[in-house]
PDB file of N, CA and C in Angstrom:
ATOM      1  N   ALA A   1      11.971  -7.731  19.572  1.00  0.00           N
ATOM      2  CA  ALA A   1      12.854  -7.717  18.389  1.00  0.00           C
ATOM      3  C   ALA A   1      12.054  -8.096  17.115  1.00  0.00           C
ATOM      4  N   SER A   2      11.122  -9.033  17.320  1.00  0.00           N
ATOM      5  CA  SER A   2      10.294  -9.466  16.081  1.00  0.00           C
ATOM      6  C   SER A   2       9.438  -8.354  15.674  1.00  0.00           C
ATOM      7  N   ALA A   3       8.936  -7.462  16.588  1.00  0.00           N
ATOM      8  CA  ALA A   3       8.046  -6.474  16.185  1.00  0.00           C
ATOM      9  C   ALA A   3       8.752  -5.329  15.434  1.00  0.00           C
ATOM     10  N   ILE A   4       9.970  -5.020  15.888  1.00  0.00           N
ATOM     11  CA  ILE A   4      10.828  -4.105  15.119  1.00  0.00           C
ATOM     12  C   ILE A   4      11.157  -4.618  13.737  1.00  0.00           C
ATOM     13  N   PHE A   5      11.515  -5.820  13.684  1.00  0.00           N
ATOM     14  CA  PHE A   5      11.822  -6.517  12.398  1.00  0.00           C
ATOM     15  C   PHE A   5      10.600  -6.473  11.413  1.00  0.00           C
ATOM     16  N   MET A   6       9.353  -6.613  11.888  1.00  0.00           N
ATOM     17  CA  MET A   6       8.247  -6.628  11.070  1.00  0.00           C
ATOM     18  C   MET A   6       7.900  -5.198  10.662  1.00  0.00           C
ATOM     19  N   TYR A   7       8.186  -4.279  11.496  1.00  0.00           N
ATOM     20  CA  TYR A   7       8.098  -2.924  11.251  1.00  0.00           C
ATOM     21  C   TYR A   7       8.893  -2.384   9.964  1.00  0.00           C
ATOM     22  N   PHE A   8      10.131  -2.708  10.036  1.00  0.00           N
ATOM     23  CA  PHE A   8      11.044  -2.343   8.896  1.00  0.00           C
ATOM     24  C   PHE A   8      10.685  -3.241   7.615  1.00  0.00           C
ATOM     25  N   THR A   9      10.361  -4.481   7.806  1.00  0.00           N
ATOM     26  CA  THR A   9       9.996  -5.239   6.593  1.00  0.00           C
ATOM     27  C   THR A   9       8.633  -4.708   5.917  1.00  0.00           C
ATOM     28  N   SER A  10       7.898  -4.064   6.724  1.00  0.00           N
ATOM     29  CA  SER A  10       6.665  -3.577   6.131  1.00  0.00           C
ATOM     30  C   SER A  10       6.781  -2.100   5.603  1.00  0.00           C
ATOM     31  N   VAL A  11       7.705  -1.404   6.265  1.00  0.00           N
ATOM     32  CA  VAL A  11       7.784  -0.004   5.794  1.00  0.00           C
ATOM     33  C   VAL A  11       8.737   0.205   4.488  1.00  0.00           C
ATOM     34  N   ALA A  12       9.730  -0.569   4.424  1.00  0.00           N
ATOM     35  CA  ALA A  12      10.684  -0.444   3.346  1.00  0.00           C
ATOM     36  C   ALA A  12       9.946  -0.700   1.860  1.00  0.00           C
ATOM     37  N   PRO A  13       9.239  -1.767   1.728  1.00  0.00           N
ATOM     38  CA  PRO A  13       8.545  -1.941   0.447  1.00  0.00           C
ATOM     39  C   PRO A  13       7.349  -0.932   0.261  1.00  0.00           C
ATOM     40  N   ALA A  14       6.736  -0.466   1.282  1.00  0.00           N
ATOM     41  CA  ALA A  14       5.658   0.547   1.198  1.00  0.00           C
ATOM     42  C   ALA A  14       6.154   1.832   0.690  1.00  0.00           C
ATOM     43  N   ILE A  15       7.293   2.220   1.208  1.00  0.00           N
ATOM     44  CA  ILE A  15       7.944   3.422   0.673  1.00  0.00           C
ATOM     45  C   ILE A  15       8.383   3.336  -0.792  1.00  0.00           C
ATOM     46  N   THR A  16       8.873   2.168  -1.125  1.00  0.00           N
ATOM     47  CA  THR A  16       9.315   1.933  -2.395  1.00  0.00           C
ATOM     48  C   THR A  16       8.212   1.969  -3.415  1.00  0.00           C
ATOM     49  N   PHE A  17       7.217   1.214  -3.171  1.00  0.00           N
ATOM     50  CA  PHE A  17       5.987   1.126  -4.028  1.00  0.00           C
ATOM     51  C   PHE A  17       5.218   2.400  -3.997  1.00  0.00           C
ATOM     52  N   ALA A  18       5.247   3.186  -2.838  1.00  0.00           N
ATOM     53  CA  ALA A  18       4.590   4.415  -2.762  1.00  0.00           C
ATOM     54  C   ALA A  18       5.263   5.369  -3.773  1.00  0.00           C
ATOM     55  N   ALA A  19       6.555   5.359  -3.972  1.00  0.00           N
ATOM     56  CA  ALA A  19       7.179   6.311  -4.927  1.00  0.00           C
ATOM     57  C   ALA A  19       6.728   6.099  -6.325  1.00  0.00           C
ATOM     58  N   THR A  20       6.639   4.645  -6.596  1.00  0.00           N
ATOM     59  CA  THR A  20       6.140   4.328  -7.942  1.00  0.00           C
ATOM     60  C   THR A  20       4.632   4.774  -8.081  1.00  0.00           C
ATOM     61  N   LEU A  21       3.865   4.625  -7.102  1.00  0.00           N
ATOM     62  CA  LEU A  21       2.500   5.021  -7.282  1.00  0.00           C
ATOM     63  C   LEU A  21       2.365   6.524  -7.277  1.00  0.00           C
ATOM     64  N   ASP A  22       3.128   7.167  -6.593  1.00  0.00           N
ATOM     65  CA  ASP A  22       3.150   8.643  -6.670  1.00  0.00           C
ATOM     66  C   ASP A  22       3.467   9.242  -8.033  1.00  0.00           C
ATOM     67  N   HIS A  23       4.539   8.553  -8.624  1.00  0.00           N
ATOM     68  CA  HIS A  23       4.874   8.992  -9.942  1.00  0.00           C
ATOM     69  C   HIS A  23       3.845   8.604 -11.048  1.00  0.00           C
ATOM     70  N   ASP A  24       3.381   7.376 -10.954  1.00  0.00           N
ATOM     71  CA  ASP A  24       2.447   6.863 -12.033  1.00  0.00           C
ATOM     72  C   ASP A  24       1.042   7.437 -11.856  1.00  0.00           C
ATOM     73  N   THR A  25       0.564   7.867 -10.682  1.00  0.00           N
ATOM     74  CA  THR A  25      -0.721   8.463 -10.614  1.00  0.00           C
ATOM     75  C   THR A  25      -0.703   9.857 -10.471  1.00  0.00           C
ATOM     76  N   GLN A  26       0.289  10.558 -10.756  1.00  0.00           N
ATOM     77  CA  GLN A  26       0.573  11.983 -10.793  1.00  0.00           C
ATOM     78  C   GLN A  26       0.260  12.505  -9.405  1.00  0.00           C
ATOM     79  N   GLY A  27       0.614  11.882  -8.300  1.00  0.00           N
ATOM     80  CA  GLY A  27       0.479  12.343  -6.996  1.00  0.00           C
ATOM     81  C   GLY A  27      -0.837  12.153  -6.290  1.00  0.00           C
ATOM     82  N   HIS A  28      -1.723  11.299  -6.871  1.00  0.00           N
ATOM     83  CA  HIS A  28      -2.961  10.938  -6.275  1.00  0.00           C
ATOM     84  C   HIS A  28      -2.831   9.962  -5.265  1.00  0.00           C
ATOM     85  N   VAL A  29      -1.835   9.060  -5.301  1.00  0.00           N
ATOM     86  CA  VAL A  29      -1.518   8.065  -4.245  1.00  0.00           C
ATOM     87  C   VAL A  29      -0.165   8.177  -4.006  1.00  0.00           C
ATOM     88  N   GLY A  30       0.288   8.469  -2.642  1.00  0.00           N
ATOM     89  CA  GLY A  30       1.655   8.670  -2.235  1.00  0.00           C
ATOM     90  C   GLY A  30       2.014   7.863  -1.119  1.00  0.00           C
ATOM     91  N   ALA A  31       3.006   8.268  -0.452  1.00  0.00           N
ATOM     92  CA  ALA A  31       3.721   7.524   0.689  1.00  0.00           C
ATOM     93  C   ALA A  31       2.685   7.523   1.903  1.00  0.00           C
ATOM     94  N   VAL A  32       2.111   8.673   2.179  1.00  0.00           N
ATOM     95  CA  VAL A  32       1.183   8.724   3.273  1.00  0.00           C
ATOM     96  C   VAL A  32      -0.035   7.672   3.088  1.00  0.00           C
ATOM     97  N   GLU A  33      -0.611   7.740   1.918  1.00  0.00           N
ATOM     98  CA  GLU A  33      -1.888   6.749   1.743  1.00  0.00           C
ATOM     99  C   GLU A  33      -1.307   5.359   1.876  1.00  0.00           C
ATOM    100  N   VAL A  34      -0.147   5.020   1.325  1.00  0.00           N
ATOM    101  CA  VAL A  34       0.280   3.636   1.332  1.00  0.00           C
ATOM    102  C   VAL A  34       0.593   3.246   2.748  1.00  0.00           C
ATOM    103  N   LEU A  35       1.353   4.074   3.503  1.00  0.00           N
ATOM    104  CA  LEU A  35       1.624   3.717   4.877  1.00  0.00           C
ATOM    105  C   LEU A  35       0.397   3.593   5.766  1.00  0.00           C
ATOM    106  N   LEU A  36      -0.538   4.519   5.581  1.00  0.00           N
ATOM    107  CA  LEU A  36      -1.780   4.592   6.299  1.00  0.00           C
ATOM    108  C   LEU A  36      -2.640   3.283   6.020  1.00  0.00           C
ATOM    109  N   SER A  37      -2.823   2.970   4.738  1.00  0.00           N
ATOM    110  CA  SER A  37      -3.551   1.767   4.346  1.00  0.00           C
ATOM    111  C   SER A  37      -2.856   0.455   4.910  1.00  0.00           C
ATOM    112  N   SER A  38      -1.616   0.447   4.768  1.00  0.00           N
ATOM    113  CA  SER A  38      -0.846  -0.816   5.250  1.00  0.00           C
ATOM    114  C   SER A  38      -1.062  -0.927   6.806  1.00  0.00           C
ATOM    115  N   ALA A  39      -1.001   0.236   7.576  1.00  0.00           N
ATOM    116  CA  ALA A  39      -1.217   0.152   8.922  1.00  0.00           C
ATOM    117  C   ALA A  39      -2.641  -0.197   9.345  1.00  0.00           C
ATOM    118  N   ILE A  40      -3.500   0.257   8.618  1.00  0.00           N
ATOM    119  CA  ILE A  40      -4.955  -0.103   8.926  1.00  0.00           C
ATOM    120  C   ILE A  40      -5.239  -1.534   8.712  1.00  0.00           C
ATOM    121  N   CYS A  41      -4.785  -1.940   7.477  1.00  0.00           N
ATOM    122  CA  CYS A  41      -5.052  -3.341   7.080  1.00  0.00           C
ATOM    123  C   CYS A  41      -4.327  -4.317   7.880  1.00  0.00           C
ATOM    124  N   GLY A  42      -3.114  -3.900   8.320  1.00  0.00           N
ATOM    125  CA  GLY A  42      -2.299  -4.784   9.284  1.00  0.00           C
ATOM    126  C   GLY A  42      -3.001  -5.007  10.511  1.00  0.00           C
ATOM    127  N   CYS A  43      -3.589  -3.826  11.111  1.00  0.00           N
ATOM    128  CA  CYS A  43      -4.200  -4.001  12.336  1.00  0.00           C
ATOM    129  C   CYS A  43      -5.517  -4.842  12.280  1.00  0.00           C
ATOM    130  N   ILE A  44      -6.220  -4.594  11.200  1.00  0.00           N
ATOM    131  CA  ILE A  44      -7.497  -5.342  11.053  1.00  0.00           C
ATOM    132  C   ILE A  44      -7.193  -6.836  10.869  1.00  0.00           C
ATOM    133  N   PHE A  45      -6.231  -7.113  10.053  1.00  0.00           N
ATOM    134  CA  PHE A  45      -5.883  -8.602   9.785  1.00  0.00           C
ATOM    135  C   PHE A  45      -5.359  -9.232  11.106  1.00  0.00           C
ATOM    136  N   SER A  46      -4.556  -8.475  11.786  1.00  0.00           N
ATOM    137  CA  SER A  46      -4.033  -9.018  13.085  1.00  0.00           C
ATOM    138  C   SER A  46      -5.045  -9.327  14.138  1.00  0.00           C
ATOM    139  N   ILE A  47      -6.069  -8.556  14.020  1.00  0.00           N
ATOM    140  CA  ILE A  47      -7.200  -8.683  15.076  1.00  0.00           C
ATOM    141  C   ILE A  47      -8.055  -9.894  14.661  1.00  0.00           C
ATOM    142  N   PHE A  48      -8.387  -9.883  13.335  1.00  0.00           N
ATOM    143  CA  PHE A  48      -9.449 -10.910  12.823  1.00  0.00           C
ATOM    144  C   PHE A  48      -8.704 -12.239  12.416  1.00  0.00           C
ATOM    145  N   GLY A  49      -7.513 -12.098  11.961  1.00  0.00           N
ATOM    146  CA  GLY A  49      -6.759 -13.239  11.510  1.00  0.00           C
ATOM    147  C   GLY A  49      -5.990 -13.988  12.604  1.00  0.00           C
ATOM    148  N   GLY A  50      -5.797 -13.319  13.839  1.00  0.00           N
ATOM    149  CA  GLY A  50      -4.971 -13.919  14.849  1.00  0.00           C
ATOM    150  C   GLY A  50      -3.560 -14.215  14.587  1.00  0.00           C
ATOM    151  N   GLN A  51      -3.052 -13.445  13.633  1.00  0.00           N
ATOM    152  CA  GLN A  51      -1.699 -13.503  13.334  1.00  0.00           C
ATOM    153  C   GLN A  51      -1.026 -12.190  13.342  1.00  0.00           C
ATOM    154  N   PRO A  52      -0.576 -11.707  14.504  1.00  0.00           N
ATOM    155  CA  PRO A  52      -0.108 -10.249  14.618  1.00  0.00           C
ATOM    156  C   PRO A  52       1.213  -9.936  13.929  1.00  0.00           C
ATOM    157  N   LEU A  53       1.927 -10.991  13.529  1.00  0.00           N
ATOM    158  CA  LEU A  53       3.298 -10.706  12.863  1.00  0.00           C
ATOM    159  C   LEU A  53       3.276 -11.066  11.537  1.00  0.00           C
ATOM    160  N   VAL A  54       2.204 -10.902  10.713  1.00  0.00           N
ATOM    161  CA  VAL A  54       2.163 -11.219   9.360  1.00  0.00           C
ATOM    162  C   VAL A  54       2.382  -9.887   8.550  1.00  0.00           C
ATOM    163  N   ILE A  55       2.987  -9.942   7.388  1.00  0.00           N
ATOM    164  CA  ILE A  55       3.252  -8.813   6.547  1.00  0.00           C
ATOM    165  C   ILE A  55       2.071  -8.681   5.685  1.00  0.00           C
ATOM    166  N   VAL A  56       1.353  -7.497   5.881  1.00  0.00           N
ATOM    167  CA  VAL A  56       0.247  -7.126   5.064  1.00  0.00           C
ATOM    168  C   VAL A  56       0.521  -5.680   4.497  1.00  0.00           C
ATOM    169  N   GLY A  57       0.700  -5.679   3.230  1.00  0.00           N
ATOM    170  CA  GLY A  57       1.115  -4.360   2.701  1.00  0.00           C
ATOM    171  C   GLY A  57       1.066  -4.317   1.223  1.00  0.00           C
ATOM    172  N   VAL A  58       1.491  -3.289   0.643  1.00  0.00           N
ATOM    173  CA  VAL A  58       1.529  -3.206  -0.820  1.00  0.00           C
ATOM    174  C   VAL A  58       2.603  -4.099  -1.434  1.00  0.00           C
ATOM    175  N   THR A  59       2.205  -4.646  -2.639  1.00  0.00           N
ATOM    176  CA  THR A  59       3.130  -5.487  -3.373  1.00  0.00           C
ATOM    177  C   THR A  59       3.128  -4.944  -4.812  1.00  0.00           C
ATOM    178  N   GLY A  60       3.942  -5.716  -5.586  1.00  0.00           N
ATOM    179  CA  GLY A  60       4.003  -5.298  -6.958  1.00  0.00           C
ATOM    180  C   GLY A  60       2.814  -5.464  -7.765  1.00  0.00           C
ATOM    181  N   PRO A  61       2.040  -6.627  -7.609  1.00  0.00           N
ATOM    182  CA  PRO A  61       0.831  -6.736  -8.407  1.00  0.00           C
ATOM    183  C   PRO A  61      -0.195  -5.752  -7.883  1.00  0.00           C
ATOM    184  N   VAL A  62      -0.259  -5.358  -6.580  1.00  0.00           N
ATOM    185  CA  VAL A  62      -1.190  -4.366  -6.176  1.00  0.00           C
ATOM    186  C   VAL A  62      -0.864  -2.937  -6.758  1.00  0.00           C
ATOM    187  N   THR A  63       0.349  -2.752  -6.816  1.00  0.00           N
ATOM    188  CA  THR A  63       0.858  -1.379  -7.430  1.00  0.00           C
ATOM    189  C   THR A  63       0.380  -1.342  -8.878  1.00  0.00           C
ATOM    190  N   ILE A  64       0.537  -2.409  -9.617  1.00  0.00           N
ATOM    191  CA  ILE A  64       0.219  -2.394 -11.105  1.00  0.00           C
ATOM    192  C   ILE A  64      -1.325  -2.256 -11.196  1.00  0.00           C
ATOM    193  N   PHE A  65      -2.062  -2.968 -10.313  1.00  0.00           N
ATOM    194  CA  PHE A  65      -3.461  -2.871 -10.343  1.00  0.00           C
ATOM    195  C   PHE A  65      -3.927  -1.446 -10.097  1.00  0.00           C
ATOM    196  N   THR A  66      -3.423  -0.796  -9.106  1.00  0.00           N
ATOM    197  CA  THR A  66      -3.836   0.603  -8.794  1.00  0.00           C
ATOM    198  C   THR A  66      -3.480   1.484  -9.776  1.00  0.00           C
ATOM    199  N   VAL A  67      -2.342   1.431 -10.433  1.00  0.00           N
ATOM    200  CA  VAL A  67      -2.073   2.325 -11.613  1.00  0.00           C
ATOM    201  C   VAL A  67      -3.047   2.065 -12.749  1.00  0.00           C
ATOM    202  N   LYS A  68      -3.367   0.866 -12.996  1.00  0.00           N
ATOM    203  CA  LYS A  68      -4.197   0.597 -14.095  1.00  0.00           C
ATOM    204  C   LYS A  68      -5.621   1.118 -13.850  1.00  0.00           C
ATOM    205  N   VAL A  69      -6.183   0.930 -12.593  1.00  0.00           N
ATOM    206  CA  VAL A  69      -7.429   1.505 -12.237  1.00  0.00           C
ATOM    207  C   VAL A  69      -7.377   2.972 -12.391  1.00  0.00           C
ATOM    208  N   TRP A  70      -6.346   3.570 -11.917  1.00  0.00           N
ATOM    209  CA  TRP A  70      -6.206   5.115 -11.950  1.00  0.00           C
ATOM    210  C   TRP A  70      -6.275   5.489 -13.454  1.00  0.00           C
ATOM    211  N   ALA A  71      -5.649   4.764 -14.370  1.00  0.00           N
ATOM    212  CA  ALA A  71      -5.607   5.125 -15.738  1.00  0.00           C
ATOM    213  C   ALA A  71      -7.013   4.958 -16.323  1.00  0.00           C
ATOM    214  N   LEU A  72      -7.668   3.908 -15.985  1.00  0.00           N
ATOM    215  CA  LEU A  72      -9.091   3.797 -16.383  1.00  0.00           C
ATOM    216  C   LEU A  72     -10.067   4.846 -15.826  1.00  0.00           C
ATOM    217  N   SER A  73      -9.789   5.248 -14.645  1.00  0.00           N
ATOM    218  CA  SER A  73     -10.586   6.311 -14.161  1.00  0.00           C
ATOM    219  C   SER A  73     -10.377   7.685 -14.845  1.00  0.00           C
ATOM    220  N   GLN A  74      -9.105   7.889 -15.287  1.00  0.00           N
ATOM    221  CA  GLN A  74      -8.766   9.038 -15.997  1.00  0.00           C
ATOM    222  C   GLN A  74      -9.373   9.065 -17.495  1.00  0.00           C
ATOM    223  N   MET A  75      -9.332   7.802 -18.046  1.00  0.00           N
ATOM    224  CA  MET A  75      -9.880   7.640 -19.417  1.00  0.00           C
ATOM    225  C   MET A  75     -11.389   7.899 -19.373  1.00  0.00           C
ATOM    226  N   PHE A  76     -12.106   7.433 -18.384  1.00  0.00           N
ATOM    227  CA  PHE A  76     -13.498   7.566 -18.380  1.00  0.00           C
ATOM    228  C   PHE A  76     -13.952   8.864 -17.648  1.00  0.00           C
ATOM    229  N   GLY A  77     -12.975   9.688 -17.175  1.00  0.00           N
ATOM    230  CA  GLY A  77     -13.354  10.850 -16.499  1.00  0.00           C
ATOM    231  C   GLY A  77     -14.082  10.681 -15.115  1.00  0.00           C
ATOM    232  N   VAL A  78     -13.704   9.599 -14.401  1.00  0.00           N
ATOM    233  CA  VAL A  78     -14.236   9.382 -13.129  1.00  0.00           C
ATOM    234  C   VAL A  78     -13.310   9.816 -12.019  1.00  0.00           C
ATOM    235  N   ASP A  79     -13.808  10.340 -10.970  1.00  0.00           N
ATOM    236  CA  ASP A  79     -12.819  10.717  -9.947  1.00  0.00           C
ATOM    237  C   ASP A  79     -12.169   9.468  -9.289  1.00  0.00           C
ATOM    238  N   PHE A  80     -10.828   9.598  -8.929  1.00  0.00           N
ATOM    239  CA  PHE A  80     -10.039   8.354  -8.506  1.00  0.00           C
ATOM    240  C   PHE A  80      -9.998   8.501  -7.064  1.00  0.00           C
TER     241      PHE A  80
END
């Protein structure tokens, strides 16, 4: 039951913030990238951190940082 709870508490914000990232980065970062990165980071953290039920995923500050980095890369003409 706790694994199912953690699944939904990780997926719901990931999809929400992915929609914001998709809109603000003109499609460069979307739901697939956010879900994949959350899954990979969660697996790595659970193995090395010893806490398999911790929520590791995208948050508001991470979303803002990603959008600002994307804007800087567009301003300087660097691939994102």
